[in-house]
Amino acid sequence: MNAGHPKLLWLPLAPFERDGLKTALKGAGLPHDDVAAPGRYFWRFEENDVPVGFGGIEVHGDDGLLRIVTLPVLRHRGLGGAIAEALEGETVALGCRALWVAAGGEAAFFAERGYVPVLPAAVPAAIAERLPPGADTPMMKRVG
């Protein structure tokens, strides 16, 4: 677990940390105005006591919508993969069976982790409504 990042730690996001999360999500082009809405779970990720990113899951029944943000200065070091792995475990704990993502320019990143492109018509309505406007083909992974 967390190959290459054995000291990755994730902590539920405290309410006072939501502004930093919003800024990071906005900078990544991800939905950010809804972080306090019901059914949204967010974590702060650290490695060796240094913040490295945020991750979240938006739960809609058996489906979860994934959001990952690695801090820009720390990208391309494998942290995003470790964060994705951690969140997949959290998704199962939250009772989801499928995890969805709007991959944007990161389709190869998600494909390496077992996510597959899905035709828009096959996306559950609750997930489709939450995808960013103009999002590329959504991707999905069975997790539970």
Protein backbone atom coordinates (compact mmCIF):
# COMPACT_ATOMS: atom_id res chain seq x y z
CA MET A 1 0.00 0.00 0.00
CA ASN A 2 1.26 3.47 -0.85
CA ALA A 3 4.23 2.06 -2.77
CA GLY A 4 7.08 4.51 -2.57
CA HIS A 5 5.20 6.60 0.00
CA PRO A 6 5.04 4.49 3.17
CA LYS A 7 4.75 7.57 5.39
CA LEU A 8 1.70 9.00 3.63
CA LEU A 9 -0.85 10.01 6.23
CA TRP A 10 -4.42 11.10 5.59
CA LEU A 11 -6.57 12.96 8.06
CA PRO A 12 -10.21 14.02 7.80
CA LEU A 13 -10.29 17.67 6.83
CA ALA A 14 -11.15 20.05 9.66
CA PRO A 15 -13.79 22.72 8.91
CA PHE A 16 -11.20 25.52 9.13
CA GLU A 17 -9.16 23.83 6.36
CA ARG A 18 -11.96 24.06 3.78
CA ASP A 19 -10.71 27.36 2.32
CA GLY A 20 -7.36 25.79 1.41
CA LEU A 21 -9.21 22.86 -0.12
CA LYS A 22 -11.43 25.19 -2.16
CA THR A 23 -8.39 27.05 -3.48
CA ALA A 24 -6.62 23.81 -4.46
CA LEU A 25 -9.74 22.38 -6.15
CA LYS A 26 -10.40 25.62 -8.03
CA GLY A 27 -6.78 25.73 -9.22
CA ALA A 28 -7.16 22.19 -10.57
CA GLY A 29 -10.42 23.05 -12.38
CA LEU A 30 -12.49 20.82 -10.10
CA PRO A 31 -15.81 21.65 -8.40
CA HIS A 32 -15.06 23.64 -5.26
CA ASP A 33 -18.14 25.54 -4.06
CA ASP A 34 -19.79 22.50 -2.51
CA VAL A 35 -17.22 21.21 -0.03
CA ALA A 36 -19.55 21.70 2.96
CA ALA A 37 -22.54 19.96 1.32
CA PRO A 38 -23.84 16.66 2.72
CA GLY A 39 -22.29 13.47 1.35
CA ARG A 40 -18.86 15.00 0.72
CA TYR A 41 -15.84 13.65 2.57
CA PHE A 42 -12.41 15.27 2.32
CA TRP A 43 -8.97 14.45 3.64
CA ARG A 44 -5.67 16.29 3.93
CA PHE A 45 -2.67 14.21 2.89
CA GLU A 46 0.77 14.61 4.44
CA GLU A 47 4.11 12.91 4.11
CA ASN A 48 6.71 13.40 6.84
CA ASP A 49 4.52 16.16 8.35
CA VAL A 50 4.50 18.10 5.06
CA PRO A 51 1.14 18.75 3.33
CA VAL A 52 1.12 17.13 -0.13
CA GLY A 53 -2.49 17.38 -1.28
CA PHE A 54 -6.17 16.85 -0.74
CA GLY A 55 -8.62 14.18 -1.73
CA GLY A 56 -12.32 13.74 -1.54
CA ILE A 57 -15.23 11.48 -2.23
CA GLU A 58 -18.74 12.64 -2.98
CA VAL A 59 -21.15 9.80 -2.16
CA HIS A 60 -24.33 9.13 -4.12
CA GLY A 61 -25.75 5.78 -2.99
CA ASP A 62 -23.45 3.02 -4.28
CA ASP A 63 -21.43 5.50 -6.34
CA GLY A 64 -18.62 7.83 -5.36
CA LEU A 65 -17.16 10.76 -7.27
CA LEU A 66 -13.42 11.18 -6.73
CA ARG A 67 -11.47 14.42 -6.44
CA ILE A 68 -7.68 14.44 -6.05
CA VAL A 69 -5.37 17.43 -5.87
CA THR A 70 -1.63 17.09 -5.37
CA LEU A 71 0.09 20.36 -4.55
CA PRO A 72 1.69 21.66 -7.77
CA VAL A 73 5.29 21.67 -6.52
CA LEU A 74 4.99 17.99 -5.56
CA ARG A 75 3.40 16.59 -8.72
CA HIS A 76 4.93 13.73 -10.72
CA ARG A 77 6.38 12.01 -7.65
CA GLY A 78 3.80 9.24 -7.30
CA LEU A 79 1.80 10.99 -4.60
CA GLY A 80 -1.37 11.18 -6.70
CA GLY A 81 -1.34 7.40 -7.10
CA ALA A 82 -0.86 6.89 -3.38
CA ILE A 83 -3.70 9.33 -2.65
CA ALA A 84 -5.95 7.53 -5.16
CA GLU A 85 -5.20 4.19 -3.51
CA ALA A 86 -6.01 5.57 -0.06
CA LEU A 87 -9.27 7.08 -1.26
CA GLU A 88 -10.34 3.86 -2.96
CA GLY A 89 -10.17 2.18 0.45
CA GLU A 90 -12.16 5.00 2.02
CA THR A 91 -14.73 4.69 -0.78
CA VAL A 92 -15.34 1.04 0.10
CA ALA A 93 -15.65 1.97 3.79
CA LEU A 94 -18.32 4.53 2.82
CA GLY A 95 -20.33 1.77 1.12
CA CYS A 96 -19.66 2.62 -2.51
CA ARG A 97 -19.24 -0.05 -5.16
CA ALA A 98 -18.08 2.17 -8.02
CA LEU A 99 -15.80 5.18 -8.10
CA TRP A 100 -16.17 7.77 -10.85
CA VAL A 101 -13.83 10.51 -12.01
CA ALA A 102 -13.79 13.30 -14.58
CA ALA A 103 -10.26 12.55 -15.71
CA GLY A 104 -9.63 15.73 -17.67
CA GLY A 105 -6.06 15.60 -18.93
CA GLU A 106 -5.24 12.78 -16.52
CA ALA A 107 -6.93 9.87 -18.34
CA ALA A 108 -3.64 7.92 -18.59
CA PHE A 109 -3.04 8.37 -14.84
CA PHE A 110 -6.46 6.90 -14.03
CA ALA A 111 -6.23 4.16 -16.68
CA GLU A 112 -3.00 2.93 -15.03
CA ARG A 113 -5.02 2.50 -11.85
CA GLY A 114 -7.79 0.45 -13.44
CA TYR A 115 -10.30 3.14 -14.33
CA VAL A 116 -12.07 2.65 -17.66
CA PRO A 117 -13.79 5.20 -19.89
CA VAL A 118 -17.58 5.06 -19.78
CA LEU A 119 -20.06 6.44 -22.28
CA PRO A 120 -21.89 9.47 -20.83
CA ALA A 121 -25.25 7.67 -21.14
CA ALA A 122 -24.01 4.97 -18.72
CA VAL A 123 -23.09 7.42 -15.94
CA PRO A 124 -25.59 7.46 -13.06
CA ALA A 125 -27.63 10.69 -13.10
CA ALA A 126 -26.43 11.83 -9.66
CA ILE A 127 -22.80 11.52 -10.80
CA ALA A 128 -23.41 13.05 -14.25
CA GLU A 129 -24.95 16.14 -12.63
CA ARG A 130 -21.80 16.68 -10.58
CA LEU A 131 -19.21 16.35 -13.36
CA PRO A 132 -17.55 19.64 -14.32
CA PRO A 133 -19.08 21.34 -17.38
CA GLY A 134 -17.36 20.20 -20.57
CA ALA A 135 -15.67 17.29 -18.78
CA ASP A 136 -14.01 14.66 -20.93
CA THR A 137 -15.35 11.12 -21.03
CA PRO A 138 -15.90 10.02 -17.46
CA MET A 139 -14.02 7.04 -16.08
CA MET A 140 -15.10 4.41 -13.54
CA LYS A 141 -13.56 1.71 -11.37
CA ARG A 142 -15.37 -1.02 -9.42
CA VAL A 143 -14.18 -0.83 -5.83
CA GLY A 144 -16.60 -2.84 -3.74
